[in-house]
């Protein structure tokens, strides 16, 4: 279950980053694009998420949700 926990942590971080980007001013489209503001509340292991734009984050969240669902329902990983 170590893999599932890692997926959950990354999924949580990706969702939080997506919320940060969506919370930007709707009048300024540049606030939701890729950038890396220095914020101490970010998990250093997931700083790369701050470089993703909203669309990339949404796709990443979808992938993580599918991977976690597959892992929890016993679907084998292709590399095993």
PDB file of N, CA and C in Angstrom:
ATOM      1  N   UNK A   1       0.814  -1.213   0.000  1.00  0.00           N
ATOM      2  CA  UNK A   1       0.000   0.000   0.000  1.00  0.00           C
ATOM      3  C   UNK A   1       0.855   1.274   0.000  1.00  0.00           C
ATOM      4  N   UNK A   2       2.165   1.124  -0.058  1.00  0.00           N
ATOM      5  CA  UNK A   2       3.030   2.288  -0.113  1.00  0.00           C
ATOM      6  C   UNK A   2       2.750   3.095  -1.379  1.00  0.00           C
ATOM      7  N   UNK A   3       2.523   2.414  -2.509  1.00  0.00           N
ATOM      8  CA  UNK A   3       2.221   3.101  -3.762  1.00  0.00           C
ATOM      9  C   UNK A   3       0.930   3.902  -3.647  1.00  0.00           C
ATOM     10  N   UNK A   4      -0.063   3.343  -3.013  1.00  0.00           N
ATOM     11  CA  UNK A   4      -1.345   4.034  -2.863  1.00  0.00           C
ATOM     12  C   UNK A   4      -1.175   5.298  -2.027  1.00  0.00           C
ATOM     13  N   UNK A   5      -0.388   5.230  -0.989  1.00  0.00           N
ATOM     14  CA  UNK A   5      -0.172   6.404  -0.147  1.00  0.00           C
ATOM     15  C   UNK A   5       0.568   7.496  -0.916  1.00  0.00           C
ATOM     16  N   UNK A   6       1.556   7.119  -1.711  1.00  0.00           N
ATOM     17  CA  UNK A   6       2.273   8.104  -2.524  1.00  0.00           C
ATOM     18  C   UNK A   6       1.339   8.760  -3.536  1.00  0.00           C
ATOM     19  N   UNK A   7       0.476   7.961  -4.150  1.00  0.00           N
ATOM     20  CA  UNK A   7      -0.494   8.505  -5.101  1.00  0.00           C
ATOM     21  C   UNK A   7      -1.460   9.457  -4.407  1.00  0.00           C
ATOM     22  N   UNK A   8      -1.922   9.093  -3.210  1.00  0.00           N
ATOM     23  CA  UNK A   8      -2.841   9.963  -2.464  1.00  0.00           C
ATOM     24  C   UNK A   8      -2.196  11.303  -2.135  1.00  0.00           C
ATOM     25  N   UNK A   9      -0.925  11.261  -1.722  1.00  0.00           N
ATOM     26  CA  UNK A   9      -0.228  12.507  -1.383  1.00  0.00           C
ATOM     27  C   UNK A   9      -0.060  13.403  -2.604  1.00  0.00           C
ATOM     28  N   UNK A  10       0.329  12.809  -3.727  1.00  0.00           N
ATOM     29  CA  UNK A  10       0.497  13.618  -4.932  1.00  0.00           C
ATOM     30  C   UNK A  10      -0.848  14.144  -5.420  1.00  0.00           C
ATOM     31  N   UNK A  11      -1.877  13.327  -5.331  1.00  0.00           N
ATOM     32  CA  UNK A  11      -3.215  13.757  -5.728  1.00  0.00           C
ATOM     33  C   UNK A  11      -3.676  14.936  -4.871  1.00  0.00           C
ATOM     34  N   UNK A  12      -3.456  14.846  -3.584  1.00  0.00           N
ATOM     35  CA  UNK A  12      -3.830  15.936  -2.675  1.00  0.00           C
ATOM     36  C   UNK A  12      -3.069  17.217  -3.040  1.00  0.00           C
ATOM     37  N   UNK A  13      -1.765  17.084  -3.289  1.00  0.00           N
ATOM     38  CA  UNK A  13      -0.959  18.257  -3.645  1.00  0.00           C
ATOM     39  C   UNK A  13      -1.408  18.844  -4.978  1.00  0.00           C
ATOM     40  N   UNK A  14      -1.734  17.996  -5.944  1.00  0.00           N
ATOM     41  CA  UNK A  14      -2.183  18.476  -7.257  1.00  0.00           C
ATOM     42  C   UNK A  14      -3.528  19.200  -7.128  1.00  0.00           C
ATOM     43  N   UNK A  15      -4.421  18.654  -6.330  1.00  0.00           N
ATOM     44  CA  UNK A  15      -5.716  19.315  -6.129  1.00  0.00           C
ATOM     45  C   UNK A  15      -5.546  20.667  -5.447  1.00  0.00           C
ATOM     46  N   UNK A  16      -4.654  20.738  -4.458  1.00  0.00           N
ATOM     47  CA  UNK A  16      -4.415  22.003  -3.760  1.00  0.00           C
ATOM     48  C   UNK A  16      -3.821  23.036  -4.709  1.00  0.00           C
ATOM     49  N   UNK A  17      -2.897  22.606  -5.564  1.00  0.00           N
ATOM     50  CA  UNK A  17      -2.304  23.529  -6.527  1.00  0.00           C
ATOM     51  C   UNK A  17      -3.349  24.012  -7.532  1.00  0.00           C
ATOM     52  N   UNK A  18      -4.220  23.127  -7.938  1.00  0.00           N
ATOM     53  CA  UNK A  18      -5.295  23.489  -8.864  1.00  0.00           C
ATOM     54  C   UNK A  18      -6.221  24.525  -8.232  1.00  0.00           C
ATOM     55  N   UNK A  19      -6.526  24.353  -6.964  1.00  0.00           N
ATOM     56  CA  UNK A  19      -7.363  25.323  -6.237  1.00  0.00           C
ATOM     57  C   UNK A  19      -6.659  26.675  -6.178  1.00  0.00           C
ATOM     58  N   UNK A  20      -5.346  26.676  -5.901  1.00  0.00           N
ATOM     59  CA  UNK A  20      -4.585  27.937  -5.850  1.00  0.00           C
ATOM     60  C   UNK A  20      -4.656  28.664  -7.192  1.00  0.00           C
ATOM     61  N   UNK A  21      -4.469  27.900  -8.256  1.00  0.00           N
ATOM     62  CA  UNK A  21      -4.460  28.537  -9.575  1.00  0.00           C
ATOM     63  C   UNK A  21      -5.845  29.034  -9.971  1.00  0.00           C
ATOM     64  N   UNK A  22      -6.872  28.289  -9.636  1.00  0.00           N
ATOM     65  CA  UNK A  22      -8.244  28.714  -9.963  1.00  0.00           C
ATOM     66  C   UNK A  22      -8.681  29.895  -9.114  1.00  0.00           C
ATOM     67  N   UNK A  23      -8.103  30.050  -7.938  1.00  0.00           N
ATOM     68  CA  UNK A  23      -8.491  31.135  -7.031  1.00  0.00           C
ATOM     69  C   UNK A  23      -7.914  32.472  -7.459  1.00  0.00           C
ATOM     70  N   UNK A  24      -7.050  32.472  -8.458  1.00  0.00           N
ATOM     71  CA  UNK A  24      -6.482  33.720  -8.952  1.00  0.00           C
ATOM     72  C   UNK A  24      -7.562  34.607  -9.521  1.00  0.00           C
ATOM     73  N   UNK A  25      -7.225  35.826  -9.759  1.00  0.00           N
ATOM     74  CA  UNK A  25      -8.189  36.792 -10.274  1.00  0.00           C
ATOM     75  C   UNK A  25      -8.697  36.372 -11.649  1.00  0.00           C
ATOM     76  N   UNK A  26     -10.014  36.239 -11.827  1.00  0.00           N
ATOM     77  CA  UNK A  26     -10.562  35.847 -13.116  1.00  0.00           C
ATOM     78  C   UNK A  26     -10.373  36.924 -14.189  1.00  0.00           C
ATOM     79  N   UNK A  27     -10.096  38.158 -13.765  1.00  0.00           N
ATOM     80  CA  UNK A  27      -9.884  39.238 -14.718  1.00  0.00           C
ATOM     81  C   UNK A  27      -8.493  39.200 -15.334  1.00  0.00           C
ATOM     82  N   UNK A  28      -7.586  38.465 -14.708  1.00  0.00           N
ATOM     83  CA  UNK A  28      -6.217  38.384 -15.197  1.00  0.00           C
ATOM     84  C   UNK A  28      -5.907  36.944 -15.571  1.00  0.00           C
ATOM     85  N   UNK A  29      -6.001  36.580 -16.855  1.00  0.00           N
ATOM     86  CA  UNK A  29      -5.765  35.196 -17.251  1.00  0.00           C
ATOM     87  C   UNK A  29      -4.363  34.716 -16.921  1.00  0.00           C
ATOM     88  N   UNK A  30      -3.401  35.597 -16.810  1.00  0.00           N
ATOM     89  CA  UNK A  30      -2.035  35.200 -16.490  1.00  0.00           C
ATOM     90  C   UNK A  30      -1.880  34.614 -15.095  1.00  0.00           C
ATOM     91  N   UNK A  31      -2.848  34.817 -14.222  1.00  0.00           N
ATOM     92  CA  UNK A  31      -2.721  34.318 -12.856  1.00  0.00           C
ATOM     93  C   UNK A  31      -2.931  32.818 -12.763  1.00  0.00           C
ATOM     94  N   UNK A  32      -3.513  32.226 -13.796  1.00  0.00           N
ATOM     95  CA  UNK A  32      -3.738  30.784 -13.751  1.00  0.00           C
ATOM     96  C   UNK A  32      -2.733  30.019 -14.597  1.00  0.00           C
ATOM     97  N   UNK A  33      -1.780  30.720 -15.190  1.00  0.00           N
ATOM     98  CA  UNK A  33      -0.790  30.049 -16.018  1.00  0.00           C
ATOM     99  C   UNK A  33       0.362  29.557 -15.163  1.00  0.00           C
ATOM    100  N   UNK A  34       1.270  28.871 -15.814  1.00  0.00           N
ATOM    101  CA  UNK A  34       2.383  28.246 -15.123  1.00  0.00           C
ATOM    102  C   UNK A  34       3.327  29.283 -14.520  1.00  0.00           C
ATOM    103  N   UNK A  35       3.620  29.121 -13.234  1.00  0.00           N
ATOM    104  CA  UNK A  35       4.604  29.949 -12.548  1.00  0.00           C
ATOM    105  C   UNK A  35       4.928  29.299 -11.220  1.00  0.00           C
ATOM    106  N   UNK A  36       6.016  29.721 -10.626  1.00  0.00           N
ATOM    107  CA  UNK A  36       6.457  29.110  -9.385  1.00  0.00           C
ATOM    108  C   UNK A  36       6.629  30.170  -8.300  1.00  0.00           C
ATOM    109  N   UNK A  37       5.540  30.599  -7.674  1.00  0.00           N
ATOM    110  CA  UNK A  37       5.677  31.549  -6.577  1.00  0.00           C
ATOM    111  C   UNK A  37       6.293  30.866  -5.360  1.00  0.00           C
ATOM    112  N   UNK A  38       7.044  31.609  -4.624  1.00  0.00           N
ATOM    113  CA  UNK A  38       7.674  31.051  -3.428  1.00  0.00           C
ATOM    114  C   UNK A  38       6.680  31.085  -2.282  1.00  0.00           C
ATOM    115  N   UNK A  39       6.158  29.928  -1.950  1.00  0.00           N
ATOM    116  CA  UNK A  39       5.177  29.835  -0.878  1.00  0.00           C
ATOM    117  C   UNK A  39       5.597  28.722   0.069  1.00  0.00           C
ATOM    118  N   UNK A  40       5.751  29.022   1.340  1.00  0.00           N
ATOM    119  CA  UNK A  40       6.240  28.027   2.288  1.00  0.00           C
ATOM    120  C   UNK A  40       5.285  26.869   2.545  1.00  0.00           C
ATOM    121  N   UNK A  41       4.005  27.003   2.193  1.00  0.00           N
ATOM    122  CA  UNK A  41       3.062  25.929   2.496  1.00  0.00           C
ATOM    123  C   UNK A  41       3.074  24.824   1.444  1.00  0.00           C
ATOM    124  N   UNK A  42       3.869  24.959   0.399  1.00  0.00           N
ATOM    125  CA  UNK A  42       3.949  23.915  -0.629  1.00  0.00           C
ATOM    126  C   UNK A  42       4.877  22.797  -0.166  1.00  0.00           C
ATOM    127  N   UNK A  43       4.488  21.578  -0.473  1.00  0.00           N
ATOM    128  CA  UNK A  43       5.316  20.420  -0.189  1.00  0.00           C
ATOM    129  C   UNK A  43       6.449  20.400  -1.208  1.00  0.00           C
ATOM    130  N   UNK A  44       7.686  20.421  -0.759  1.00  0.00           N
ATOM    131  CA  UNK A  44       8.826  20.478  -1.669  1.00  0.00           C
ATOM    132  C   UNK A  44       8.858  19.315  -2.651  1.00  0.00           C
ATOM    133  N   UNK A  45       8.332  18.175  -2.275  1.00  0.00           N
ATOM    134  CA  UNK A  45       8.320  17.014  -3.154  1.00  0.00           C
ATOM    135  C   UNK A  45       7.412  17.230  -4.360  1.00  0.00           C
ATOM    136  N   UNK A  46       6.522  18.188  -4.284  1.00  0.00           N
ATOM    137  CA  UNK A  46       5.548  18.407  -5.352  1.00  0.00           C
ATOM    138  C   UNK A  46       5.632  19.816  -5.950  1.00  0.00           C
ATOM    139  N   UNK A  47       6.778  20.461  -5.845  1.00  0.00           N
ATOM    140  CA  UNK A  47       6.922  21.814  -6.378  1.00  0.00           C
ATOM    141  C   UNK A  47       6.706  21.864  -7.886  1.00  0.00           C
ATOM    142  N   UNK A  48       6.983  20.769  -8.586  1.00  0.00           N
ATOM    143  CA  UNK A  48       6.804  20.754 -10.045  1.00  0.00           C
ATOM    144  C   UNK A  48       5.350  21.012 -10.426  1.00  0.00           C
ATOM    145  N   UNK A  49       4.428  20.735  -9.514  1.00  0.00           N
ATOM    146  CA  UNK A  49       3.013  20.990  -9.801  1.00  0.00           C
ATOM    147  C   UNK A  49       2.751  22.483  -9.987  1.00  0.00           C
ATOM    148  N   UNK A  50       3.536  23.316  -9.323  1.00  0.00           N
ATOM    149  CA  UNK A  50       3.366  24.763  -9.448  1.00  0.00           C
ATOM    150  C   UNK A  50       3.743  25.250 -10.841  1.00  0.00           C
ATOM    151  N   UNK A  51       4.504  24.452 -11.569  1.00  0.00           N
ATOM    152  CA  UNK A  51       4.904  24.829 -12.917  1.00  0.00           C
ATOM    153  C   UNK A  51       3.854  24.474 -13.963  1.00  0.00           C
ATOM    154  N   UNK A  52       2.871  23.695 -13.576  1.00  0.00           N
ATOM    155  CA  UNK A  52       1.820  23.270 -14.513  1.00  0.00           C
ATOM    156  C   UNK A  52       0.724  24.326 -14.592  1.00  0.00           C
ATOM    157  N   UNK A  53       0.133  24.439 -15.780  1.00  0.00           N
ATOM    158  CA  UNK A  53      -1.014  25.328 -15.898  1.00  0.00           C
ATOM    159  C   UNK A  53      -2.272  24.555 -15.487  1.00  0.00           C
ATOM    160  N   UNK A  54      -3.407  25.231 -15.490  1.00  0.00           N
ATOM    161  CA  UNK A  54      -4.652  24.636 -15.014  1.00  0.00           C
ATOM    162  C   UNK A  54      -5.019  23.380 -15.807  1.00  0.00           C
ATOM    163  N   UNK A  55      -4.910  23.448 -17.131  1.00  0.00           N
ATOM    164  CA  UNK A  55      -5.270  22.286 -17.955  1.00  0.00           C
ATOM    165  C   UNK A  55      -4.383  21.088 -17.654  1.00  0.00           C
ATOM    166  N   UNK A  56      -3.090  21.316 -17.518  1.00  0.00           N
ATOM    167  CA  UNK A  56      -2.162  20.225 -17.217  1.00  0.00           C
ATOM    168  C   UNK A  56      -2.454  19.641 -15.837  1.00  0.00           C
ATOM    169  N   UNK A  57      -2.772  20.498 -14.876  1.00  0.00           N
ATOM    170  CA  UNK A  57      -3.107  20.018 -13.539  1.00  0.00           C
ATOM    171  C   UNK A  57      -4.385  19.188 -13.546  1.00  0.00           C
ATOM    172  N   UNK A  58      -5.386  19.636 -14.296  1.00  0.00           N
ATOM    173  CA  UNK A  58      -6.634  18.871 -14.375  1.00  0.00           C
ATOM    174  C   UNK A  58      -6.373  17.486 -14.964  1.00  0.00           C
ATOM    175  N   UNK A  59      -5.566  17.412 -16.012  1.00  0.00           N
ATOM    176  CA  UNK A  59      -5.237  16.130 -16.625  1.00  0.00           C
ATOM    177  C   UNK A  59      -4.440  15.255 -15.654  1.00  0.00           C
ATOM    178  N   UNK A  60      -3.528  15.873 -14.918  1.00  0.00           N
ATOM    179  CA  UNK A  60      -2.716  15.129 -13.947  1.00  0.00           C
ATOM    180  C   UNK A  60      -3.588  14.574 -12.820  1.00  0.00           C
ATOM    181  N   UNK A  61      -4.514  15.377 -12.336  1.00  0.00           N
ATOM    182  CA  UNK A  61      -5.438  14.920 -11.285  1.00  0.00           C
ATOM    183  C   UNK A  61      -6.260  13.736 -11.797  1.00  0.00           C
ATOM    184  N   UNK A  62      -6.759  13.836 -13.021  1.00  0.00           N
ATOM    185  CA  UNK A  62      -7.534  12.724 -13.610  1.00  0.00           C
ATOM    186  C   UNK A  62      -6.702  11.448 -13.676  1.00  0.00           C
ATOM    187  N   UNK A  63      -5.452  11.572 -14.123  1.00  0.00           N
ATOM    188  CA  UNK A  63      -4.574  10.398 -14.208  1.00  0.00           C
ATOM    189  C   UNK A  63      -4.317   9.794 -12.837  1.00  0.00           C
ATOM    190  N   UNK A  64      -4.030  10.658 -11.864  1.00  0.00           N
ATOM    191  CA  UNK A  64      -3.770  10.161 -10.511  1.00  0.00           C
ATOM    192  C   UNK A  64      -4.996   9.455  -9.932  1.00  0.00           C
ATOM    193  N   UNK A  65      -6.173  10.016 -10.164  1.00  0.00           N
ATOM    194  CA  UNK A  65      -7.405   9.384  -9.673  1.00  0.00           C
ATOM    195  C   UNK A  65      -7.592   8.007 -10.310  1.00  0.00           C
ATOM    196  N   UNK A  66      -7.356   7.904 -11.622  1.00  0.00           N
ATOM    197  CA  UNK A  66      -7.472   6.604 -12.295  1.00  0.00           C
ATOM    198  C   UNK A  66      -6.436   5.614 -11.777  1.00  0.00           C
ATOM    199  N   UNK A  67      -5.188   6.074 -11.613  1.00  0.00           N
ATOM    200  CA  UNK A  67      -4.135   5.190 -11.115  1.00  0.00           C
ATOM    201  C   UNK A  67      -4.447   4.678  -9.714  1.00  0.00           C
ATOM    202  N   UNK A  68      -4.924   5.576  -8.861  1.00  0.00           N
ATOM    203  CA  UNK A  68      -5.260   5.182  -7.496  1.00  0.00           C
ATOM    204  C   UNK A  68      -6.421   4.198  -7.493  1.00  0.00           C
ATOM    205  N   UNK A  69      -7.424   4.460  -8.308  1.00  0.00           N
ATOM    206  CA  UNK A  69      -8.564   3.555  -8.412  1.00  0.00           C
ATOM    207  C   UNK A  69      -8.121   2.178  -8.915  1.00  0.00           C
ATOM    208  N   UNK A  70      -7.276   2.160  -9.936  1.00  0.00           N
ATOM    209  CA  UNK A  70      -6.764   0.888 -10.458  1.00  0.00           C
ATOM    210  C   UNK A  70      -5.976   0.134  -9.400  1.00  0.00           C
ATOM    211  N   UNK A  71      -5.139   0.846  -8.678  1.00  0.00           N
ATOM    212  CA  UNK A  71      -4.316   0.211  -7.653  1.00  0.00           C
ATOM    213  C   UNK A  71      -5.174  -0.367  -6.533  1.00  0.00           C
ATOM    214  N   UNK A  72      -6.193   0.373  -6.120  1.00  0.00           N
ATOM    215  CA  UNK A  72      -7.043  -0.083  -5.021  1.00  0.00           C
ATOM    216  C   UNK A  72      -7.955  -1.236  -5.427  1.00  0.00           C
ATOM    217  N   UNK A  73      -8.242  -1.358  -6.728  1.00  0.00           N
ATOM    218  CA  UNK A  73      -9.106  -2.439  -7.187  1.00  0.00           C
ATOM    219  C   UNK A  73      -8.328  -3.621  -7.748  1.00  0.00           C
ATOM    220  N   UNK A  74      -7.046  -3.626  -7.503  1.00  0.00           N
ATOM    221  CA  UNK A  74      -6.240  -4.797  -7.841  1.00  0.00           C
ATOM    222  C   UNK A  74      -5.833  -4.957  -9.283  1.00  0.00           C
ATOM    223  N   UNK A  75      -5.900  -3.914 -10.072  1.00  0.00           N
ATOM    224  CA  UNK A  75      -5.430  -4.020 -11.444  1.00  0.00           C
ATOM    225  C   UNK A  75      -3.918  -3.978 -11.416  1.00  0.00           C
ATOM    226  N   UNK A  76      -3.307  -4.987 -12.045  1.00  0.00           N
ATOM    227  CA  UNK A  76      -1.853  -5.082 -12.029  1.00  0.00           C
ATOM    228  C   UNK A  76      -1.208  -3.963 -12.817  1.00  0.00           C
ATOM    229  N   UNK A  77      -0.028  -3.565 -12.340  1.00  0.00           N
ATOM    230  CA  UNK A  77       0.740  -2.576 -13.069  1.00  0.00           C
ATOM    231  C   UNK A  77       1.420  -3.288 -14.235  1.00  0.00           C
ATOM    232  N   UNK A  78       1.582  -2.627 -15.367  1.00  0.00           N
ATOM    233  CA  UNK A  78       2.159  -3.272 -16.538  1.00  0.00           C
ATOM    234  C   UNK A  78       3.612  -3.706 -16.366  1.00  0.00           C
ATOM    235  N   UNK A  79       4.348  -3.073 -15.455  1.00  0.00           N
ATOM    236  CA  UNK A  79       5.761  -3.424 -15.287  1.00  0.00           C
ATOM    237  C   UNK A  79       5.973  -4.611 -14.354  1.00  0.00           C
ATOM    238  N   UNK A  80       4.916  -5.216 -13.871  1.00  0.00           N
ATOM    239  CA  UNK A  80       5.068  -6.375 -12.974  1.00  0.00           C
ATOM    240  C   UNK A  80       4.791  -7.663 -13.699  1.00  0.00           C
TER     241      UNK A  80
END
